[in-house]
Amino acid sequence: MDPGIPRITSEVLRKACVTNRGFELPELNEVLILHYRGFRKIENLEEYHNVRSIFLECNGISRIENLEVMPQLVSLYLQSNCITRMENLDLLCNLQYLNLSHNSISEVENLGTLNVLDTLNLAANKFEDVEKLKGLSERPTLRSVDVSANYFEDGDALVDFWESNLPNVQCLYIHHNPCSRALKDGRRRLISRLPKLRWIDERPVTSIERAGCEAWAVGGKEAEMEAKKGHWLKEKEDKEKSFQNFRRVQEAHAERAKAQKEAQARRDAARDKAEAALKETGHLKDGFVLMPERSSGPESQEKDVNEAPEATPEVEIQKEAVEPEPVESVEPEKPEEPEDTEEPEIVPFEWTSFKDRCLGRLVAQHRYNFNKVTEQECRRRYGELCRPSQPNVAENRQAAARKSIEEGAGRAADGPPPDAAAVKEVSQWFVRRIRQGNGGEGVPVKKKVSINTETNENPEESNENPEPVRTHPRHPMSSEAQSLFGASSGLFAPPPRQPLDPIQLQNQEPEILIEPPKTPAPPAPRPVISASPEGLHDLD
């Protein structure tokens, strides 16, 4: 072969797969596109044994060969080539679609082993004699056959061929042959002889056309017209019957809706009448009971008049004619928390995303309480969070952010339920924060008091219960935290204060620190929850 002619090599196949969004590994590809490349021979396809569709159209291939290495092949496109014979198709047992149009084939052969072949396209080849189509009878599974644009001259033989060789064909193309114009009543003859035919050339076969063609085959054109008229009248009758059924359903629905509205109106009128009689006479009409409203507002104290249930007519309801008294709203008693006398359960400490966020928040607020984990462990963990050990820091941060989002941030209302362990951990943390006063016990409270310098009197001392004004703490740091992070490191130290002007110090109102009243400790605290000294936060 001329070295200048393109050939199907491994490198060409690999580039073709990558270009058409395939895979570099041959065994992973199911589609192989090799059209418009100028190949003359099919070769080097052994590694592509899992291909199910191969496109080889518009090349210069002269022979069908070397396709037995693709036993899973379903669709084969070989149109617009130079093929002269149908051969080497015996091992393609799964082939369903075969396109050999625009070639130089003159005889149908070697289709006996293609057990599932469904569609065969032989348009624009060199068929001249109808007898050369006998090979189609070897494959009765064919449902679509295209022999258009060939050189058939005997139109009657072409029409009679299909009834005896492919009686179950459903789609047939025979147009643009020399016999097509001279063929008389070819469409009627095909439709009347092939009962499963649904498409001929460029038009579908309708039900009214089939009825007319079958009648034409028996009684001619007059019978055809009568059959079409009868079919049209039958279709009209069926449509009218379907429309009448729809109208009946529509009217029944309208009557049912009207009856429901009337019944509801009668019930509303009877209820209004009974309510008016109750307000005038104080007696409730038989068949009605007083029902309190379910709303939580002040209107819930009033009572509503509803009809008694009709399911128990034999039970007589005793009612007293008493003026409705206002119902006092009683607050439900809070259930007492049972004292937990069991021994605390020892749970091993484990780092989670929630505890990581707690650690970062505590570091930012300079409030620590290492009662569940050692200082060295917190320092090591925070170092991992701030300075990842892996070389690619940006990727680690992005991965950590994605992980944090996936583990519970912004969960949709219709999303999947969260992890039960994570929900339990967050719930226990919030319960501890609420019971400890949100970590505010022992935090000094500042109150601004304006003092008269002449009389040294405090105008707010007359108030019996002055309301304390809380201000944010000055970020106290315990000795344990200072020993852990270092007082001079500056990493977690609060920002330095700016020196005040002496004139501002003179004009500044003095601030008095008032200690809040100490609340007595609960009688039996839970073993897991413990008040943090100096208002410090627990890590978990």
Protein backbone atom coordinates (compact mmCIF):
# COMPACT_ATOMS: atom_id res chain seq x y z
CA MET A 1 0.00 0.00 0.00
CA ASP A 2 1.15 3.49 -0.78
CA PRO A 3 2.82 4.95 2.37
CA GLY A 4 1.07 8.25 1.73
CA ILE A 5 -2.39 6.74 2.15
CA PRO A 6 -3.87 7.13 5.68
CA ARG A 7 -3.97 3.93 7.71
CA ILE A 8 -5.78 2.85 10.86
CA THR A 9 -3.00 2.59 13.45
CA SER A 10 -3.02 2.47 17.26
CA GLU A 11 -1.96 6.10 17.52
CA VAL A 12 -4.65 7.21 15.04
CA LEU A 13 -7.28 5.28 16.98
CA ARG A 14 -6.16 6.78 20.29
CA LYS A 15 -6.29 10.33 18.93
CA ALA A 16 -9.70 9.68 17.37
CA CYS A 17 -11.08 8.50 20.72
CA VAL A 18 -9.71 11.51 22.60
CA THR A 19 -10.95 13.94 19.94
CA ASN A 20 -14.49 12.53 20.10
CA ARG A 21 -14.65 12.56 23.93
CA GLY A 22 -13.68 8.96 24.32
CA PHE A 23 -11.05 7.19 26.42
CA GLU A 24 -7.40 6.56 25.79
CA LEU A 25 -7.72 2.98 27.01
CA PRO A 26 -9.14 0.98 24.06
CA GLU A 27 -11.23 -1.40 26.15
CA LEU A 28 -13.24 1.47 27.68
CA ASN A 29 -14.62 2.78 24.39
CA GLU A 30 -18.04 1.75 23.11
CA VAL A 31 -18.18 4.13 20.13
CA LEU A 32 -15.47 4.48 17.49
CA ILE A 33 -15.73 7.35 14.99
CA LEU A 34 -13.42 7.06 11.95
CA HIS A 35 -15.35 8.78 9.16
CA TYR A 36 -13.98 11.19 6.52
CA ARG A 37 -10.38 10.01 7.02
CA GLY A 38 -9.54 8.43 3.65
CA PHE A 39 -8.83 4.92 5.01
CA ARG A 40 -8.58 2.13 2.47
CA LYS A 41 -8.54 -0.87 4.80
CA ILE A 42 -10.10 -1.90 8.12
CA GLU A 43 -7.29 -3.04 10.43
CA ASN A 44 -5.71 -2.88 13.93
CA LEU A 45 -9.01 -3.03 15.85
CA GLU A 46 -8.11 -5.97 18.11
CA GLU A 47 -7.89 -3.86 21.31
CA TYR A 48 -11.33 -2.30 20.78
CA HIS A 49 -13.29 -5.46 21.48
CA ASN A 50 -15.99 -3.67 23.52
CA VAL A 51 -17.04 -1.28 20.77
CA ARG A 52 -20.78 -1.33 20.04
CA SER A 53 -20.97 1.26 17.25
CA ILE A 54 -18.33 2.00 14.62
CA PHE A 55 -18.57 4.80 12.03
CA LEU A 56 -16.47 4.15 8.89
CA GLU A 57 -18.52 6.06 6.31
CA CYS A 58 -17.05 8.33 3.65
CA ASN A 59 -13.70 6.55 3.33
CA GLY A 60 -12.18 4.49 0.52
CA ILE A 61 -12.77 1.02 2.01
CA SER A 62 -13.18 -1.67 -0.66
CA ARG A 63 -13.73 -4.75 1.51
CA ILE A 64 -15.49 -5.68 4.76
CA GLU A 65 -12.84 -7.40 6.88
CA ASN A 66 -11.19 -7.63 10.33
CA LEU A 67 -14.45 -6.95 12.19
CA GLU A 68 -14.66 -10.33 13.87
CA VAL A 69 -12.65 -8.89 16.79
CA MET A 70 -15.77 -6.86 17.79
CA PRO A 71 -18.33 -9.46 18.92
CA GLN A 72 -20.38 -6.80 20.77
CA LEU A 73 -20.91 -4.68 17.64
CA VAL A 74 -24.53 -3.47 17.30
CA SER A 75 -24.35 -0.73 14.64
CA LEU A 76 -22.08 -0.72 11.59
CA TYR A 77 -21.90 2.35 9.33
CA LEU A 78 -20.11 1.68 6.01
CA GLN A 79 -22.01 3.93 3.63
CA SER A 80 -20.23 5.97 0.94
CA ASN A 81 -17.30 3.59 0.42
CA CYS A 82 -16.14 1.31 -2.41
CA ILE A 83 -17.51 -2.01 -1.13
CA THR A 84 -18.56 -4.50 -3.83
CA ARG A 85 -19.60 -7.54 -1.75
CA MET A 86 -21.33 -8.34 1.54
CA GLU A 87 -18.88 -10.65 3.30
CA ASN A 88 -17.11 -11.42 6.60
CA LEU A 89 -20.22 -10.68 8.68
CA ASP A 90 -20.70 -14.18 10.06
CA LEU A 91 -19.30 -13.54 13.58
CA LEU A 92 -21.27 -10.33 14.22
CA CYS A 93 -24.11 -12.09 16.02
CA ASN A 94 -25.29 -8.95 17.86
CA LEU A 95 -25.49 -6.70 14.80
CA GLN A 96 -28.85 -4.88 14.56
CA TYR A 97 -28.18 -2.02 12.16
CA LEU A 98 -26.18 -2.30 8.91
CA ASN A 99 -25.78 0.65 6.55
CA LEU A 100 -24.19 -0.18 3.17
CA SER A 101 -25.76 2.56 1.08
CA HIS A 102 -23.84 4.38 -1.68
CA ASN A 103 -21.53 1.49 -2.46
CA SER A 104 -21.14 -0.88 -5.42
CA ILE A 105 -22.98 -3.95 -4.12
CA SER A 106 -25.02 -5.93 -6.64
CA GLU A 107 -26.24 -8.95 -4.61
CA VAL A 108 -27.48 -9.63 -1.07
CA GLU A 109 -25.66 -12.50 0.64
CA ASN A 110 -24.16 -13.81 3.90
CA LEU A 111 -26.97 -12.64 6.22
CA GLY A 112 -27.91 -16.04 7.61
CA THR A 113 -25.97 -15.74 10.90
CA LEU A 114 -27.14 -12.21 11.76
CA ASN A 115 -29.96 -13.41 13.99
CA VAL A 116 -30.99 -10.01 15.38
CA LEU A 117 -30.50 -7.84 12.30
CA ASP A 118 -33.38 -5.34 12.20
CA THR A 119 -32.47 -2.58 9.73
CA LEU A 120 -30.65 -2.92 6.40
CA ASN A 121 -29.90 0.03 4.15
CA LEU A 122 -28.90 -0.86 0.57
CA ALA A 123 -29.87 2.39 -1.15
CA ALA A 124 -27.86 3.76 -4.08
CA ASN A 125 -26.06 0.55 -4.96
CA LYS A 126 -25.96 -1.43 -8.25
CA PHE A 127 -28.93 -3.77 -7.96
CA GLU A 128 -30.59 -4.45 -11.33
CA ASP A 129 -32.42 -7.76 -10.94
CA VAL A 130 -34.97 -8.49 -8.21
CA GLU A 131 -33.61 -12.02 -7.94
CA LYS A 132 -30.42 -10.56 -6.45
CA LEU A 133 -32.49 -9.67 -3.35
CA LYS A 134 -33.23 -13.32 -2.51
CA GLY A 135 -30.66 -13.18 0.25
CA LEU A 136 -33.09 -11.07 2.29
CA SER A 137 -35.26 -14.13 2.84
CA GLU A 138 -32.46 -15.62 4.98
CA ARG A 139 -33.12 -12.93 7.54
CA PRO A 140 -36.89 -12.88 8.41
CA THR A 141 -36.19 -10.62 11.42
CA LEU A 142 -35.75 -7.60 9.14
CA ARG A 143 -38.28 -4.83 9.87
CA SER A 144 -36.85 -2.02 7.74
CA VAL A 145 -35.33 -2.42 4.25
CA ASP A 146 -34.20 0.35 1.91
CA VAL A 147 -33.52 -0.53 -1.75
CA SER A 148 -34.26 2.91 -3.17
CA ALA A 149 -32.18 4.63 -5.86
CA ASN A 150 -31.08 1.41 -7.53
CA TYR A 151 -31.61 0.09 -11.09
CA PHE A 152 -34.76 -2.07 -10.83
CA GLU A 153 -36.83 -1.95 -14.03
CA ASP A 154 -39.40 -4.68 -13.38
CA GLY A 155 -41.85 -2.98 -11.03
CA ASP A 156 -44.35 -5.87 -10.78
CA ALA A 157 -41.61 -8.30 -9.75
CA LEU A 158 -40.36 -5.82 -7.15
CA VAL A 159 -43.86 -5.48 -5.63
CA ASP A 160 -44.52 -9.23 -5.64
CA PHE A 161 -41.11 -10.00 -4.06
CA TRP A 162 -41.93 -8.76 -0.56
CA GLU A 163 -45.08 -10.80 0.03
CA SER A 164 -43.28 -14.09 -0.47
CA ASN A 165 -39.88 -13.26 1.08
CA LEU A 166 -40.44 -10.67 3.86
CA PRO A 167 -44.15 -10.73 4.81
CA ASN A 168 -43.49 -9.10 8.22
CA VAL A 169 -41.62 -6.06 6.96
CA GLN A 170 -42.86 -2.81 8.53
CA CYS A 171 -40.88 -0.10 6.75
CA LEU A 172 -40.08 -0.27 3.04
CA TYR A 173 -38.30 2.16 0.68
CA ILE A 174 -38.45 1.45 -3.09
CA HIS A 175 -38.63 4.98 -4.52
CA HIS A 176 -36.30 6.51 -7.15
CA ASN A 177 -35.97 3.34 -9.18
CA PRO A 178 -36.53 3.24 -12.97
CA CYS A 179 -39.79 1.34 -12.40
CA SER A 180 -41.20 3.76 -9.83
CA ARG A 181 -42.99 6.08 -12.26
CA ALA A 182 -44.42 3.32 -14.46
CA LEU A 183 -45.56 1.21 -11.51
CA LYS A 184 -49.38 1.26 -11.31
CA ASP A 185 -51.14 1.01 -7.97
CA GLY A 186 -47.90 -0.10 -6.35
CA ARG A 187 -48.72 1.45 -2.98
CA ARG A 188 -52.23 -0.11 -2.87
CA ARG A 189 -50.83 -3.52 -3.76
CA LEU A 190 -48.11 -3.38 -1.12
CA ILE A 191 -50.48 -2.25 1.66
CA SER A 192 -53.10 -4.86 0.83
CA ARG A 193 -50.53 -7.71 0.74
CA LEU A 194 -48.34 -6.77 3.71
CA PRO A 195 -50.52 -6.60 6.87
CA LYS A 196 -47.78 -5.21 9.14
CA LEU A 197 -46.55 -2.49 6.79
CA ARG A 198 -46.55 0.91 8.55
CA TRP A 199 -44.38 3.09 6.27
CA ILE A 200 -43.80 3.19 2.50
CA ASP A 201 -41.24 5.54 0.99
CA GLU A 202 -41.91 9.01 2.39
CA ARG A 203 -45.39 8.55 3.92
CA PRO A 204 -46.89 6.53 6.76
CA VAL A 205 -49.71 4.05 6.23
CA THR A 206 -52.82 5.33 8.03
CA SER A 207 -55.72 3.23 9.22
CA ILE A 208 -58.18 4.72 6.72
CA GLU A 209 -55.71 4.12 3.87
CA ARG A 210 -55.29 0.49 4.91
CA ALA A 211 -59.05 -0.02 5.04
CA GLY A 212 -59.42 1.44 1.55
CA CYS A 213 -56.51 -0.56 0.06
CA GLU A 214 -57.81 -3.85 1.47
CA ALA A 215 -61.26 -3.10 0.04
CA TRP A 216 -59.67 -2.10 -3.29
CA ALA A 217 -57.95 -5.48 -3.54
CA VAL A 218 -61.37 -7.16 -3.29
CA GLY A 219 -63.82 -4.86 -5.10
CA GLY A 220 -61.92 -2.12 -6.86
CA LYS A 221 -62.14 1.65 -6.44
CA GLU A 222 -65.85 1.75 -5.59
CA ALA A 223 -65.30 -0.66 -2.72
CA GLU A 224 -62.35 1.42 -1.67
CA MET A 225 -64.49 4.58 -1.45
CA GLU A 226 -67.21 2.77 0.49
CA ALA A 227 -64.67 1.34 2.91
CA LYS A 228 -63.09 4.77 3.47
CA LYS A 229 -66.54 6.30 4.03
CA GLY A 230 -67.50 3.57 6.50
CA HIS A 231 -64.20 3.99 8.31
CA TRP A 232 -64.72 7.74 8.51
CA LEU A 233 -68.24 7.33 9.88
CA LYS A 234 -67.02 4.83 12.45
CA GLU A 235 -64.29 7.22 13.59
CA LYS A 236 -66.86 10.02 13.85
CA GLU A 237 -69.18 7.82 15.90
CA ASP A 238 -66.35 6.84 18.25
CA LYS A 239 -65.37 10.48 18.73
CA GLU A 240 -68.98 11.46 19.42
CA LYS A 241 -69.33 8.66 21.92
CA SER A 242 -66.12 9.66 23.67
CA PHE A 243 -67.30 13.29 23.78
CA GLN A 244 -70.67 12.28 25.27
CA ASN A 245 -68.93 10.22 27.95
CA PHE A 246 -66.78 13.20 28.80
CA ARG A 247 -69.84 15.47 29.05
CA ARG A 248 -71.58 13.00 31.36
CA VAL A 249 -68.59 12.91 33.66
CA GLN A 250 -68.41 16.71 33.58
CA GLU A 251 -72.11 17.11 34.45
CA ALA A 252 -71.89 14.55 37.24
CA HIS A 253 -68.96 16.41 38.74
CA ALA A 254 -70.82 19.74 38.50
CA GLU A 255 -73.91 18.28 40.20
CA ARG A 256 -71.82 16.76 42.96
CA ALA A 257 -70.02 20.08 43.57
CA LYS A 258 -73.37 21.93 43.61
CA ALA A 259 -74.85 19.47 46.11
CA GLN A 260 -71.81 19.86 48.35
CA LYS A 261 -72.10 23.66 48.27
CA GLU A 262 -75.81 23.52 49.10
CA ALA A 263 -75.23 21.13 51.98
CA GLN A 264 -72.46 23.35 53.33
CA ALA A 265 -74.71 26.41 53.04
CA ARG A 266 -77.46 24.62 54.99
CA ARG A 267 -75.04 23.61 57.71
CA ASP A 268 -73.70 27.16 58.00
CA ALA A 269 -77.22 28.63 58.19
CA ALA A 270 -78.26 26.13 60.88
CA ARG A 271 -75.12 26.85 62.89
CA ASP A 272 -75.66 30.61 62.68
CA LYS A 273 -79.28 30.17 63.77
CA ALA A 274 -78.27 27.99 66.73
CA GLU A 275 -75.60 30.49 67.75
CA ALA A 276 -78.11 33.37 67.65
CA ALA A 277 -80.58 31.35 69.73
CA LEU A 278 -77.84 30.55 72.26
CA LYS A 279 -77.02 34.24 72.68
CA GLU A 280 -80.71 35.19 73.11
CA THR A 281 -82.09 32.38 75.28
CA GLY A 282 -79.00 30.74 76.71
CA HIS A 283 -80.24 27.33 75.52
CA LEU A 284 -78.40 25.31 72.92
CA LYS A 285 -80.42 23.77 70.15
CA ASP A 286 -80.52 20.00 69.90
CA GLY A 287 -77.91 18.57 67.59
CA PHE A 288 -75.20 21.12 68.45
CA VAL A 289 -72.39 21.15 70.99
CA LEU A 290 -70.05 23.87 72.27
CA MET A 291 -66.46 23.54 71.06
CA PRO A 292 -63.57 25.76 72.20
CA GLU A 293 -61.53 27.35 69.47
CA ARG A 294 -58.06 25.96 68.82
CA SER A 295 -56.32 29.28 68.19
CA SER A 296 -53.84 30.46 70.86
CA GLY A 297 -54.96 34.14 70.93
CA PRO A 298 -57.36 35.80 73.36
CA GLU A 299 -60.26 34.78 71.13
CA SER A 300 -59.65 31.19 72.16
CA GLN A 301 -61.57 31.84 75.37
CA GLU A 302 -64.80 32.10 73.39
CA LYS A 303 -66.70 28.99 72.39
CA ASP A 304 -67.94 28.00 69.01
CA VAL A 305 -71.12 26.19 68.08
CA ASN A 306 -70.67 23.07 65.98
CA GLU A 307 -73.02 20.33 64.92
CA ALA A 308 -72.93 17.15 66.92
CA PRO A 309 -71.43 14.16 65.13
CA GLU A 310 -73.93 12.15 63.16
CA ALA A 311 -72.00 8.90 63.60
CA THR A 312 -73.65 8.21 67.02
CA PRO A 313 -77.32 9.25 66.73
CA GLU A 314 -78.45 6.76 69.37
CA VAL A 315 -76.40 8.48 72.08
CA GLU A 316 -78.30 11.39 73.67
CA ILE A 317 -76.03 14.29 74.59
CA GLN A 318 -76.96 15.95 77.88
CA LYS A 319 -76.42 19.72 77.73
CA GLU A 320 -76.97 22.28 80.49
CA ALA A 321 -78.31 25.72 79.67
CA VAL A 322 -75.56 27.71 81.32
CA GLU A 323 -74.07 30.98 80.16
CA PRO A 324 -70.62 30.41 78.71
CA GLU A 325 -68.02 31.45 81.24
CA PRO A 326 -64.68 32.86 80.16
CA VAL A 327 -61.99 30.24 80.19
CA GLU A 328 -58.93 31.24 82.14
CA SER A 329 -55.70 30.59 80.38
CA VAL A 330 -53.65 28.24 82.46
CA GLU A 331 -50.00 27.91 81.68
CA PRO A 332 -48.89 24.31 81.48
CA GLU A 333 -46.64 23.26 84.27
CA LYS A 334 -43.11 22.64 83.25
CA PRO A 335 -42.17 19.05 83.87
CA GLU A 336 -39.55 18.67 86.50
CA GLU A 337 -36.33 17.33 85.24
CA PRO A 338 -35.59 14.01 86.79
CA GLU A 339 -32.49 13.95 88.85
CA ASP A 340 -29.82 12.02 87.17
CA THR A 341 -28.34 9.80 89.81
CA GLU A 342 -26.54 7.55 87.39
CA GLU A 343 -22.81 7.63 87.14
CA PRO A 344 -21.42 9.75 84.30
CA GLU A 345 -20.71 7.84 81.16
CA ILE A 346 -17.09 8.07 80.10
CA VAL A 347 -17.01 8.88 76.42
CA PRO A 348 -13.63 9.04 74.64
CA PHE A 349 -12.83 12.48 73.26
CA GLU A 350 -12.84 12.71 69.45
CA TRP A 351 -12.22 15.68 67.19
CA THR A 352 -15.15 16.62 64.92
CA SER A 353 -15.92 19.55 62.65
CA PHE A 354 -18.18 21.05 65.34
CA LYS A 355 -15.40 20.87 67.94
CA ASP A 356 -12.98 22.39 65.43
CA ARG A 357 -15.30 25.39 64.99
CA CYS A 358 -15.68 25.66 68.80
CA LEU A 359 -11.89 25.65 69.19
CA GLY A 360 -11.50 28.45 66.63
CA ARG A 361 -14.22 30.53 68.30
CA LEU A 362 -12.69 30.10 71.77
CA VAL A 363 -9.27 31.12 70.50
CA ALA A 364 -10.76 34.25 68.92
CA GLN A 365 -12.50 35.19 72.21
CA HIS A 366 -9.47 34.28 74.43
CA ARG A 367 -11.66 32.18 76.73
CA TYR A 368 -10.45 28.67 77.44
CA ASN A 369 -11.36 25.80 79.70
CA PHE A 370 -9.42 22.61 79.07
CA ASN A 371 -11.41 20.28 81.29
CA LYS A 372 -11.96 17.59 78.65
CA VAL A 373 -8.75 17.64 76.65
CA THR A 374 -5.15 18.58 77.38
CA GLU A 375 -3.55 21.87 76.42
CA GLN A 376 -1.00 20.15 74.21
CA GLU A 377 -3.74 18.37 72.26
CA CYS A 378 -5.63 21.68 71.67
CA ARG A 379 -2.43 23.38 70.58
CA ARG A 380 -1.58 20.58 68.18
CA ARG A 381 -5.11 20.51 66.73
CA TYR A 382 -5.26 24.28 66.24
CA GLY A 383 -1.87 24.18 64.57
CA GLU A 384 -3.20 21.60 62.11
CA LEU A 385 -6.23 23.76 61.36
CA CYS A 386 -4.18 26.96 60.84
CA ARG A 387 -1.12 25.50 59.11
CA PRO A 388 -1.85 22.28 57.17
CA SER A 389 1.10 19.92 57.04
CA GLN A 390 0.57 19.01 53.39
CA PRO A 391 2.50 21.04 50.82
CA ASN A 392 -0.50 22.23 48.82
CA VAL A 393 -2.04 24.62 51.34
CA ALA A 394 -4.62 26.13 48.97
CA GLU A 395 -6.06 22.74 48.05
CA ASN A 396 -6.21 21.74 51.72
CA ARG A 397 -8.12 24.87 52.62
CA GLN A 398 -10.53 24.36 49.76
CA ALA A 399 -11.05 20.73 50.74
CA ALA A 400 -11.62 21.75 54.38
CA ALA A 401 -14.16 24.38 53.28
CA ARG A 402 -16.00 21.90 51.09
CA LYS A 403 -16.00 19.35 53.89
CA SER A 404 -17.38 21.90 56.35
CA ILE A 405 -20.17 22.84 53.90
CA GLU A 406 -21.03 19.20 53.22
CA GLU A 407 -21.13 18.29 56.92
CA GLY A 408 -24.06 20.53 57.74
CA ALA A 409 -23.71 24.18 56.74
CA GLY A 410 -26.80 25.50 54.91
CA ARG A 411 -28.75 22.27 54.84
CA ALA A 412 -31.89 22.56 52.72
CA ALA A 413 -35.35 21.97 54.20
CA ASP A 414 -35.98 19.06 51.84
CA GLY A 415 -32.45 17.72 52.02
CA PRO A 416 -31.39 14.39 53.52
CA PRO A 417 -31.55 14.07 57.32
CA PRO A 418 -28.32 14.98 59.15
CA ASP A 419 -26.17 12.52 60.96
CA ALA A 420 -27.72 11.45 64.27
CA ALA A 421 -24.39 11.64 66.12
CA ALA A 422 -23.76 15.20 64.92
CA VAL A 423 -27.28 16.31 65.92
CA LYS A 424 -26.87 14.78 69.37
CA GLU A 425 -23.48 16.48 69.86
CA VAL A 426 -24.78 19.94 68.87
CA SER A 427 -27.91 19.51 71.01
CA GLN A 428 -25.88 18.56 74.09
CA TRP A 429 -23.61 21.58 73.54
CA PHE A 430 -26.54 24.00 73.36
CA VAL A 431 -28.12 22.47 76.50
CA ARG A 432 -24.89 22.96 78.42
CA ARG A 433 -24.56 26.55 77.21
CA ILE A 434 -28.14 27.34 78.25
CA ARG A 435 -27.76 25.76 81.69
CA GLN A 436 -24.48 27.57 82.30
CA GLY A 437 -26.00 30.94 81.37
CA ASN A 438 -24.26 31.01 77.97
CA GLY A 439 -20.88 30.97 79.65
CA GLY A 440 -21.49 34.30 81.41
CA GLU A 441 -21.26 33.23 85.06
CA GLY A 442 -18.59 35.02 86.99
CA VAL A 443 -18.15 37.70 84.31
CA PRO A 444 -18.00 41.15 85.87
CA VAL A 445 -20.79 43.52 84.96
CA LYS A 446 -20.11 47.16 84.30
CA LYS A 447 -22.57 49.84 85.16
CA LYS A 448 -22.13 53.46 84.32
CA VAL A 449 -23.06 55.74 87.25
CA SER A 450 -23.01 59.53 87.05
CA ILE A 451 -21.82 60.98 90.42
CA ASN A 452 -22.33 64.58 91.49
CA THR A 453 -18.88 65.87 92.47
CA GLU A 454 -20.30 68.55 94.80
CA THR A 455 -22.64 66.41 96.92
CA ASN A 456 -21.07 62.98 96.17
CA GLU A 457 -24.56 61.60 95.75
CA ASN A 458 -25.61 58.97 93.29
CA PRO A 459 -28.98 59.86 91.71
CA GLU A 460 -29.70 56.18 90.97
CA GLU A 461 -29.15 54.93 94.51
CA SER A 462 -32.84 55.58 95.26
CA ASN A 463 -33.83 52.84 92.85
CA GLU A 464 -34.49 49.67 94.72
CA ASN A 465 -33.70 47.31 91.87
CA PRO A 466 -31.43 49.07 89.43
CA GLU A 467 -31.09 47.21 86.17
CA PRO A 468 -27.47 46.30 85.57
CA VAL A 469 -25.94 47.11 82.20
CA ARG A 470 -23.78 44.34 80.80
CA THR A 471 -20.82 45.10 78.66
CA HIS A 472 -18.58 42.77 76.77
CA PRO A 473 -15.67 41.32 78.76
CA ARG A 474 -12.14 42.54 78.16
CA HIS A 475 -11.05 39.13 76.89
CA PRO A 476 -9.64 37.69 80.11
CA MET A 477 -7.04 34.98 79.65
CA SER A 478 -6.44 32.33 82.26
CA SER A 479 -3.02 31.28 83.47
CA GLU A 480 -3.46 27.92 81.73
CA ALA A 481 -4.10 29.62 78.40
CA GLN A 482 -1.14 31.93 78.90
CA SER A 483 1.12 28.97 79.62
CA LEU A 484 -0.28 27.17 76.54
CA PHE A 485 -0.07 29.92 73.91
CA GLY A 486 2.53 32.21 75.52
CA ALA A 487 1.88 35.71 76.73
CA SER A 488 4.53 37.23 74.50
CA SER A 489 3.77 35.34 71.30
CA GLY A 490 1.12 37.82 70.22
CA LEU A 491 -0.75 35.17 68.23
CA PHE A 492 -3.85 35.09 70.42
CA ALA A 493 -3.27 38.22 72.51
CA PRO A 494 -5.92 40.96 72.40
CA PRO A 495 -5.10 44.08 70.39
CA PRO A 496 -3.08 46.70 72.36
CA ARG A 497 -5.01 49.52 73.88
CA GLN A 498 -4.43 53.04 72.71
CA PRO A 499 -3.22 55.43 75.49
CA LEU A 500 -5.87 57.89 76.58
CA ASP A 501 -5.41 61.61 76.78
CA PRO A 502 -5.27 62.99 80.40
CA ILE A 503 -8.01 65.45 79.53
CA GLN A 504 -10.22 62.54 78.34
CA LEU A 505 -9.46 60.71 81.60
CA GLN A 506 -10.68 63.69 83.63
CA ASN A 507 -13.87 64.07 81.59
CA GLN A 508 -14.57 60.31 81.42
CA GLU A 509 -17.27 59.08 83.74
CA PRO A 510 -16.04 56.50 86.22
CA GLU A 511 -17.09 52.93 85.73
CA ILE A 512 -18.06 50.78 88.67
CA LEU A 513 -17.81 47.03 88.45
CA ILE A 514 -20.79 45.40 90.09
CA GLU A 515 -20.67 41.72 90.67
CA PRO A 516 -23.95 40.01 89.69
CA PRO A 517 -25.86 38.16 92.37
CA LYS A 518 -24.62 34.64 92.66
CA THR A 519 -27.27 32.07 91.94
CA PRO A 520 -27.25 28.93 94.05
CA ALA A 521 -25.96 25.82 92.37
CA PRO A 522 -28.59 23.29 91.24
CA PRO A 523 -29.37 20.59 93.78
CA ALA A 524 -28.28 17.67 91.60
CA PRO A 525 -26.30 18.75 88.53
CA ARG A 526 -25.67 16.34 85.75
CA PRO A 527 -22.21 14.76 85.98
CA VAL A 528 -21.33 15.65 82.38
CA ILE A 529 -22.18 19.38 82.77
CA SER A 530 -19.95 21.46 85.02
CA ALA A 531 -19.86 25.21 85.51
CA SER A 532 -16.73 26.70 84.05
CA PRO A 533 -14.62 28.79 86.41
CA GLU A 534 -14.20 32.48 85.63
CA GLY A 535 -16.88 32.31 82.89
CA LEU A 536 -14.72 30.23 80.54
CA HIS A 537 -16.17 28.22 77.67
CA ASP A 538 -16.01 24.45 77.42
CA LEU A 539 -14.46 23.17 74.24
CA ASP A 540 -17.28 20.68 73.58
